Protein backbone atom coordinates (compact mmCIF):
# COMPACT_ATOMS: atom_id res chain seq x y z
CA MET A 1 -45.48 1.55 -6.78
CA THR A 2 -46.45 2.00 -3.09
CA GLY A 3 -44.72 4.56 -0.97
CA PRO A 4 -42.64 2.02 1.04
CA GLY A 5 -41.49 0.21 -2.08
CA ARG A 6 -40.43 3.51 -3.72
CA PHE A 7 -38.37 4.39 -0.53
CA ALA A 8 -36.82 0.81 -0.41
CA ARG A 9 -35.81 1.26 -4.01
CA LEU A 10 -34.12 4.62 -3.31
CA ASP A 11 -32.32 3.12 -0.30
CA ARG A 12 -30.94 0.20 -2.52
CA THR A 13 -29.90 2.73 -5.10
CA GLY A 14 -28.03 4.78 -2.59
CA LEU A 15 -26.18 1.81 -1.21
CA LEU A 16 -25.12 0.85 -4.77
CA PHE A 17 -24.07 4.45 -5.44
CA VAL A 18 -21.83 4.56 -2.40
CA LEU A 19 -20.41 1.03 -3.15
CA LEU A 20 -19.30 1.79 -6.61
CA PHE A 21 -18.20 5.40 -5.72
CA CYS A 22 -15.78 4.17 -3.03
CA ASN A 23 -14.52 1.22 -4.94
CA THR A 24 -13.38 3.17 -7.92
CA PHE A 25 -10.99 5.72 -6.48
CA GLY A 26 -8.07 3.32 -7.02
CA VAL A 27 -9.12 2.63 -10.57
CA GLY A 28 -8.94 6.31 -11.34
CA ALA A 29 -5.64 6.78 -9.57
CA PHE A 30 -3.80 4.03 -11.57
CA GLY A 31 -3.47 5.91 -14.77
CA PRO A 32 -1.45 8.84 -13.48
CA LEU A 33 0.69 6.65 -11.40
CA LEU A 34 1.45 4.16 -14.32
CA PRO A 35 4.69 5.83 -15.44
CA GLU A 36 6.01 6.02 -11.92
CA ILE A 37 5.15 2.32 -11.35
CA GLY A 38 7.07 1.43 -14.64
CA ARG A 39 10.08 3.32 -13.45
CA ALA A 40 10.16 2.28 -9.82
CA GLN A 41 9.71 -1.44 -10.69
CA ALA A 42 12.04 -1.29 -13.83
CA LEU A 43 9.20 -2.73 -16.02
CA PRO A 44 9.63 -2.40 -19.89
CA ASP A 45 6.60 -1.35 -21.80
CA TRP A 46 5.30 -4.83 -22.55
CA GLN A 47 5.38 -5.79 -18.91
CA LEU A 48 3.77 -2.49 -17.95
CA GLY A 49 1.10 -3.23 -20.46
CA LEU A 50 0.52 -6.63 -18.89
CA VAL A 51 0.07 -4.96 -15.46
CA ALA A 52 -2.39 -2.40 -16.89
CA SER A 53 -4.31 -5.09 -18.79
CA ALA A 54 -4.54 -7.71 -15.92
CA PHE A 55 -7.34 -5.63 -14.49
CA GLY A 56 -9.33 -5.99 -17.70
CA PHE A 57 -8.26 -9.71 -17.93
CA ALA A 58 -9.68 -10.52 -14.49
CA ARG A 59 -12.89 -8.68 -15.33
CA MET A 60 -13.19 -10.79 -18.49
CA ALA A 61 -12.52 -14.02 -16.80
CA ALA A 62 -14.73 -13.44 -13.82
CA ALA A 63 -17.85 -11.90 -15.67
CA MET A 64 -19.76 -15.25 -16.39
CA PRO A 65 -18.95 -16.86 -13.00
CA VAL A 66 -20.06 -13.74 -11.25
CA GLY A 67 -23.21 -13.49 -13.37
CA ALA A 68 -24.11 -17.00 -12.37
CA LEU A 69 -23.35 -16.09 -8.64
CA VAL A 70 -25.36 -12.89 -8.89
CA ALA A 71 -28.49 -14.95 -9.93
CA ARG A 72 -28.34 -17.00 -6.78
CA ARG A 73 -26.42 -14.73 -4.31
CA LEU A 74 -26.88 -11.18 -5.12
CA ALA A 75 -26.22 -9.84 -1.58
CA ALA A 76 -23.19 -12.10 -1.11
CA THR A 77 -21.70 -10.77 -4.34
CA LEU A 78 -22.06 -7.19 -3.39
CA ILE A 79 -20.55 -7.97 0.07
CA ALA A 80 -17.49 -9.82 -1.34
CA ALA A 81 -16.58 -6.77 -3.61
CA PRO A 82 -14.96 -4.57 -1.05
CA VAL A 83 -13.31 -7.52 0.77
CA VAL A 84 -11.53 -8.77 -2.43
CA LEU A 85 -10.66 -5.08 -3.27
CA VAL A 86 -8.78 -4.65 -0.04
CA VAL A 87 -6.90 -7.92 -0.41
CA GLY A 88 -5.90 -7.05 -3.90
CA LEU A 89 -4.71 -3.58 -3.06
CA GLY A 90 -2.53 -4.92 -0.26
CA LEU A 91 -0.92 -7.45 -2.56
CA PHE A 92 -0.35 -4.91 -5.39
CA VAL A 93 1.23 -2.22 -3.20
CA SER A 94 3.54 -4.89 -1.70
CA ALA A 95 5.49 -4.06 -4.92
CA GLY A 96 6.74 -7.58 -5.33
CA PRO A 97 8.03 -9.12 -8.57
CA LEU A 98 5.85 -9.02 -11.82
CA PRO A 99 3.76 -12.08 -10.78
CA VAL A 100 2.77 -10.42 -7.46
CA LEU A 101 1.87 -7.19 -9.23
CA LEU A 102 -0.22 -9.12 -11.71
CA ALA A 103 -2.01 -11.08 -8.97
CA GLY A 104 -2.87 -7.85 -7.12
CA ARG A 105 -4.33 -6.24 -10.28
CA PHE A 106 -6.17 -9.42 -11.13
CA LEU A 107 -7.95 -9.38 -7.64
CA LEU A 108 -8.69 -5.63 -8.10
CA GLY A 109 -10.38 -6.55 -11.48
CA ILE A 110 -12.41 -9.35 -9.83
CA SER A 111 -13.66 -6.87 -7.16
CA HIS A 112 -14.70 -4.49 -9.93
CA THR A 113 -16.68 -7.17 -11.69
CA LEU A 114 -18.40 -8.23 -8.38
CA THR A 115 -19.42 -4.53 -7.89
CA MET A 116 -20.52 -3.95 -11.52
CA VAL A 117 -22.37 -7.09 -12.41
CA GLY A 118 -24.04 -7.31 -9.03
CA GLY A 119 -25.08 -3.58 -9.11
CA LEU A 120 -26.14 -3.45 -12.79
CA THR A 121 -28.22 -6.71 -12.34
CA ALA A 122 -29.93 -5.23 -9.34
CA ILE A 123 -30.77 -1.99 -11.17
CA LEU A 124 -31.94 -3.86 -14.39
CA VAL A 125 -34.35 -6.24 -12.38
CA GLU A 126 -36.01 -3.44 -10.47
CA SER A 127 -36.11 -0.58 -13.10
CA ARG A 128 -39.21 0.02 -15.15
CA ARG A 129 -38.68 0.41 -18.84
CA THR A 130 -39.05 4.20 -18.67
CA SER A 131 -36.39 4.66 -16.02
CA ALA A 132 -33.77 2.00 -17.07
CA SER A 133 -31.31 4.36 -18.73
CA LEU A 134 -31.57 7.11 -16.24
CA ARG A 135 -30.90 4.62 -13.26
CA LEU A 136 -28.07 2.93 -15.15
CA ASN A 137 -26.50 6.31 -15.75
CA ILE A 138 -26.89 7.31 -12.09
CA PHE A 139 -24.99 4.21 -11.13
CA GLU A 140 -22.38 4.97 -13.85
CA PHE A 141 -22.26 8.53 -12.33
CA ALA A 142 -21.16 7.02 -9.06
CA GLY A 143 -18.32 5.13 -10.71
CA MET A 144 -17.14 8.07 -12.79
CA LEU A 145 -17.29 10.30 -9.74
CA GLY A 146 -14.95 7.84 -7.93
CA ILE A 147 -12.75 7.59 -11.00
CA LEU A 148 -12.56 11.39 -11.04
CA GLY A 149 -11.73 11.54 -7.40
CA GLY A 150 -8.75 9.26 -7.91
CA PRO A 151 -6.58 11.47 -10.28
CA GLY A 152 -7.89 14.53 -8.36
CA VAL A 153 -6.38 13.30 -5.08
CA VAL A 154 -3.18 12.09 -6.85
CA ALA A 155 -2.63 15.50 -8.19
CA LEU A 156 -2.65 16.92 -4.66
CA ILE A 157 -0.22 14.18 -3.18
CA PRO A 158 3.57 15.11 -3.23
CA SER A 159 5.39 12.86 -5.81
CA ALA A 160 7.98 12.28 -3.05
CA TRP A 161 5.58 9.93 -1.36
CA GLY A 162 5.95 7.40 -4.24
CA TRP A 163 3.39 5.41 -5.99
CA LYS A 164 2.70 2.88 -3.29
CA VAL A 165 1.81 5.33 -0.56
CA SER A 166 -0.10 7.53 -3.03
CA LEU A 167 -2.21 4.61 -4.15
CA LEU A 168 -3.05 3.58 -0.62
CA VAL A 169 -4.02 7.10 0.41
CA VAL A 170 -6.20 7.55 -2.72
CA SER A 171 -7.84 4.09 -2.14
CA THR A 172 -8.85 4.73 1.54
CA PRO A 173 -12.54 5.29 0.56
CA ALA A 174 -12.56 1.51 -0.17
CA LEU A 175 -12.83 0.92 3.61
CA VAL A 176 -16.34 2.47 3.71
CA PRO A 177 -18.11 -0.33 1.93
CA LEU A 178 -16.62 -2.75 4.64
CA LEU A 179 -18.83 -0.78 7.13
CA MET A 180 -21.80 -1.06 4.89
CA ILE A 181 -21.78 -5.03 4.90
CA PRO A 182 -24.74 -5.32 7.32
CA ALA A 183 -26.79 -2.84 5.35
CA LEU A 184 -26.14 -4.62 2.08
CA ARG A 185 -27.09 -7.98 3.63
CA ARG A 186 -30.49 -6.40 4.73
CA ALA A 187 -31.24 -4.49 1.57
CA PHE A 188 -30.55 -6.95 -1.11
CA PRO A 189 -32.16 -10.42 -1.74
CA GLU A 190 -30.11 -13.52 -2.26
CA THR A 191 -31.76 -14.12 -5.73
CA THR A 192 -32.57 -11.80 -8.59
CA ARG A 193 -36.32 -12.55 -8.79
CA MET A 194 -38.56 -9.63 -9.78
CA PRO A 195 -39.97 -7.92 -6.74
CA SER A 196 -43.60 -8.43 -6.21
CA GLY A 197 -44.43 -4.75 -6.82
CA ASP A 198 -42.94 -5.04 -10.34
CA ALA A 199 -45.04 -7.96 -11.60
CA THR A 200 -46.48 -5.93 -14.49
CA ALA A 201 -43.09 -4.79 -15.76
CA GLY A 202 -41.87 -8.36 -15.48
CA GLU A 203 -44.72 -9.80 -17.51
CA GLY A 204 -44.23 -7.11 -20.20
CA MET A 205 -40.64 -7.97 -20.44
CA SER A 206 -41.19 -11.61 -20.69
CA ARG A 207 -43.64 -11.03 -23.56
CA ARG A 208 -41.21 -8.79 -25.40
CA ARG A 209 -39.70 -10.43 -28.46
CA GLU A 210 -35.89 -10.90 -28.35
CA ASN A 211 -34.11 -9.50 -31.28
CA ALA A 212 -30.70 -11.24 -31.76
CA GLY A 213 -29.52 -8.65 -34.21
CA VAL A 214 -30.15 -5.76 -31.90
CA ILE A 215 -28.53 -7.45 -29.04
CA GLY A 216 -25.43 -8.39 -31.05
CA LEU A 217 -25.19 -4.75 -32.13
CA MET A 218 -25.26 -3.60 -28.44
CA PHE A 219 -22.71 -6.19 -27.53
CA GLY A 220 -20.31 -4.80 -30.21
CA THR A 221 -21.04 -1.24 -29.23
CA GLY A 222 -20.08 -1.90 -25.65
CA MET A 223 -16.92 -3.52 -26.65
CA VAL A 224 -15.91 -0.55 -28.92
CA PHE A 225 -16.57 1.78 -25.87
CA ALA A 226 -14.47 -0.36 -23.71
CA LEU A 227 -11.58 -0.73 -26.12
CA SER A 228 -11.54 2.99 -26.61
CA TRP A 229 -11.60 3.81 -22.87
CA SER A 230 -9.04 1.20 -21.73
CA SER A 231 -6.49 1.88 -24.40
CA VAL A 232 -6.62 5.67 -24.12
CA SER A 233 -7.32 6.26 -20.50
CA GLY A 234 -5.32 3.23 -19.18
CA PHE A 235 -2.23 3.48 -21.28
CA VAL A 236 -1.92 6.20 -24.12
CA ILE A 237 -2.88 9.28 -22.21
CA PRO A 238 -0.32 8.80 -19.33
CA ILE A 239 2.45 7.23 -21.50
CA ARG A 240 2.11 9.57 -24.52
CA GLY A 241 1.50 12.63 -22.32
CA THR A 242 4.60 11.92 -20.23
CA ARG A 243 7.03 10.89 -23.09
CA GLU A 244 5.86 13.15 -25.89
CA PHE A 245 4.54 16.26 -24.11
CA GLY A 246 6.58 16.16 -20.95
CA LEU A 247 3.56 16.16 -18.62
CA THR A 248 3.95 15.36 -14.93
CA ARG A 249 1.64 13.17 -12.84
CA THR A 250 -0.24 16.39 -12.03
CA GLY A 251 -0.69 17.12 -15.79
CA ILE A 252 -1.85 13.70 -16.56
CA SER A 253 -4.26 13.69 -13.65
CA TRP A 254 -5.83 17.06 -14.75
CA LEU A 255 -6.37 15.71 -18.31
CA LEU A 256 -7.82 12.41 -17.06
CA GLY A 257 -9.84 14.40 -14.48
CA MET A 258 -11.19 16.71 -17.19
CA ALA A 259 -12.46 13.80 -19.26
CA GLN A 260 -14.14 12.28 -16.17
CA ALA A 261 -15.66 15.53 -15.18
CA ILE A 262 -17.14 16.13 -18.58
CA ASP A 263 -18.48 12.55 -18.50
CA LEU A 264 -20.06 13.40 -15.02
CA VAL A 265 -21.78 16.45 -16.31
CA ALA A 266 -23.20 14.70 -19.36
CA LEU A 267 -24.27 11.38 -17.70
CA ILE A 268 -27.74 12.28 -16.20
CA PRO A 269 -28.82 14.46 -19.21
CA VAL A 270 -27.74 11.59 -21.70
CA GLY A 271 -29.72 9.13 -19.60
CA ARG A 272 -32.85 11.29 -19.57
CA LEU A 273 -32.60 12.01 -23.37
CA ALA A 274 -32.15 8.35 -24.13
CA ASP A 275 -35.27 7.46 -22.25
CA ARG A 276 -37.29 10.15 -23.94
CA VAL A 277 -36.14 10.21 -27.65
CA GLY A 278 -34.54 6.72 -28.09
CA HIS A 279 -31.39 5.09 -27.57
CA GLY A 280 -30.19 4.95 -31.15
CA LEU A 281 -29.75 8.68 -31.81
CA ILE A 282 -28.07 9.42 -28.44
CA LEU A 283 -25.86 6.33 -28.41
CA GLY A 284 -24.76 7.04 -32.08
CA ALA A 285 -23.89 10.72 -31.23
CA ALA A 286 -21.86 9.37 -28.15
CA SER A 287 -20.04 6.85 -30.26
CA ILE A 288 -19.01 9.42 -32.89
CA LEU A 289 -17.69 11.86 -30.21
CA LEU A 290 -15.82 8.77 -28.61
CA GLY A 291 -14.16 8.08 -32.07
CA LEU A 292 -13.06 11.67 -32.42
CA GLY A 293 -11.60 11.52 -28.90
CA VAL A 294 -9.61 8.42 -29.59
CA LEU A 295 -8.13 9.86 -32.83
CA GLY A 296 -7.29 13.26 -31.12
CA VAL A 297 -5.46 11.41 -28.18
CA GLY A 298 -3.88 8.88 -30.43
CA VAL A 299 -2.37 10.72 -33.26
CA GLY A 300 -2.93 14.49 -32.72
CA PRO A 301 -0.56 17.21 -31.57
CA PHE A 302 -0.96 18.51 -28.06
CA PRO A 303 -3.97 20.81 -28.76
CA LEU A 304 -5.79 17.85 -30.34
CA PHE A 305 -4.56 15.59 -27.66
CA ALA A 306 -6.28 17.79 -25.04
CA ILE A 307 -9.54 18.22 -27.10
CA GLY A 308 -9.50 14.48 -27.55
CA CYS A 309 -9.66 13.98 -23.80
CA ALA A 310 -12.69 16.32 -23.72
CA CYS A 311 -14.48 14.41 -26.68
CA LEU A 312 -13.55 11.06 -24.83
CA GLY A 313 -15.45 12.25 -21.74
CA LEU A 314 -18.54 13.28 -23.81
CA GLY A 315 -18.58 9.96 -25.61
CA LEU A 316 -18.29 7.86 -22.52
CA ALA A 317 -21.57 9.38 -21.20
CA GLY A 318 -23.31 6.87 -23.52
CA TRP A 319 -21.50 3.81 -22.19
CA MET A 320 -24.38 2.38 -20.15
CA LEU A 321 -27.03 2.87 -22.88
CA PRO A 322 -26.36 -0.54 -24.66
CA LEU A 323 -27.40 -2.30 -21.43
CA GLY A 324 -30.74 -0.48 -21.44
CA VAL A 325 -31.50 -1.72 -25.00
CA ILE A 326 -30.45 -5.24 -23.96
CA ARG A 327 -32.80 -5.16 -21.06
CA ASP A 328 -35.73 -4.33 -23.27
CA HIS A 329 -35.09 -7.58 -25.18
CA THR A 330 -34.35 -9.80 -22.27
CA PRO A 331 -36.71 -11.68 -19.79
CA VAL A 332 -36.09 -10.88 -16.22
CA GLY A 333 -35.04 -14.50 -15.48
CA ARG A 334 -32.13 -14.18 -17.91
CA LEU A 335 -30.90 -10.82 -16.90
CA ALA A 336 -28.10 -11.89 -14.67
CA TRP A 337 -26.75 -14.39 -17.29
CA ARG A 338 -26.97 -11.90 -20.12
CA THR A 339 -25.41 -9.16 -18.02
CA GLY A 340 -22.45 -11.39 -17.23
CA LEU A 341 -22.13 -12.35 -20.85
CA TYR A 342 -22.15 -8.68 -21.93
CA ARG A 343 -19.47 -7.89 -19.32
CA VAL A 344 -17.34 -10.66 -20.85
CA GLY A 345 -17.34 -8.91 -24.07
CA VAL A 346 -16.71 -5.47 -22.51
CA ASP A 347 -14.02 -6.66 -20.21
CA SER A 348 -12.27 -8.62 -22.96
CA ALA A 349 -11.95 -5.21 -24.71
CA ILE A 350 -10.76 -3.64 -21.47
CA PHE A 351 -8.14 -6.28 -21.19
CA LEU A 352 -6.95 -6.03 -24.77
CA GLY A 353 -6.77 -2.18 -24.99
CA PRO A 354 -3.64 -1.52 -22.86
CA LEU A 355 -2.09 -4.78 -23.67
CA LEU A 356 -2.13 -4.16 -27.47
CA ALA A 357 -1.20 -0.44 -27.00
CA GLY A 358 1.76 -1.45 -24.82
CA THR A 359 2.86 -4.40 -26.97
CA LEU A 360 2.67 -2.62 -30.45
CA GLY A 361 4.32 0.57 -29.47
CA GLY A 362 5.20 3.45 -31.88
CA VAL A 363 3.54 3.23 -35.37
CA GLY A 364 1.64 0.16 -34.31
CA GLU A 365 -0.06 1.93 -31.56
CA SER A 366 -1.05 4.75 -33.82
CA VAL A 367 -2.50 2.39 -36.33
CA LEU A 368 -4.37 0.61 -33.60
CA LEU A 369 -5.93 3.84 -32.33
CA VAL A 370 -6.98 4.95 -35.85
CA ILE A 371 -8.81 1.58 -36.31
CA ILE A 372 -10.57 1.91 -32.99
CA GLY A 373 -11.47 5.49 -33.51
CA GLY A 374 -12.67 4.82 -37.08
CA ALA A 375 -14.76 1.80 -35.78
CA ALA A 376 -16.48 4.00 -33.08
CA MET A 377 -17.29 6.73 -35.73
CA ALA A 378 -18.66 4.12 -38.27
CA LEU A 379 -20.66 2.44 -35.62
CA GLY A 380 -22.03 5.80 -34.43
CA THR A 381 -23.02 6.85 -37.94
CA ARG A 382 -24.89 3.54 -38.41
CA LEU A 383 -26.86 4.06 -35.15
CA VAL A 384 -27.66 7.68 -36.00
CA LEU A 385 -28.97 6.98 -39.57
CA GLY A 386 -30.76 3.89 -38.46
CA GLN A 387 -32.67 6.05 -35.84
CA LEU A 388 -33.41 8.86 -38.29
CA ARG A 389 -34.80 6.69 -41.05
């Protein structure tokens, strides 16, 4: 890699970092504000679950079309993300009837898909095999930092301001990517062809044998991670914390913020370890911790509820690792398509998590979380034992 090429890659990584960081503040703020949204809009739990899950439904529905768009118009995809976000935010805070709220959340989900699929594909195409997990986790670090900033700012805003003003204030960083549009247009190509300096890496990947079993296992792992995160962070922590433990929006924000902070601290070390010692062992350990977190949050008393939030943060540090494995078994020309397909599975789980938790309620919700937590732990055990044998 030549000097100018290396600096160009760092510049593109920096732009993707800022884009994802600024676009995720509102994602993090939604959880602490969810109980207030339900009360202010007089929404029963099943409708509140629909509002929470519309974000994931949009991501699921848009993942494959966006993957096709990224393969042909990478720069345009990244430029569209902040524009769609601002439009969706304006629609959502208009606080209209349920269909309007759903439409706003739907557009916010599309914006997130544009950011994630575009950014992930750009990283996967450029990264050499030895740096893929680290660069993916740096990208995830940006998103988690933004999500952590969301509840952090919400905790500082007076509750008298109401959920609409609070969400607008927290989401103001989303204006920064609008100013970056000229830089995004210059930095990223329209298509996702392998850069000329990475020809060797591209040839090596094209020769690598695709393993359908490994790819399927990674798809399943990503879905378990997504189902765990969306059901617990997007619904159970704010609703159970408020109703059973009497927490205010500040208390909910601190718990969600603690999980995100732990995730942030662990992300870069986890990426380095995965690149050096192998994905199976690290991903398996993360999955086991994630399962413990889901069980603690879902069925435990308050001490286990809080410990579960911490375990959730540790487990989520492994969320990007399945993509690194998928990349190792995918030719460069199919990366955009396969990344989009992977996001369909992940975003389907993000959609179903809060929807099922809000619809089942009571005992059904507890049973759901036991199943999700048990599946994460079983999957993690399989990955660890498979790596150690």
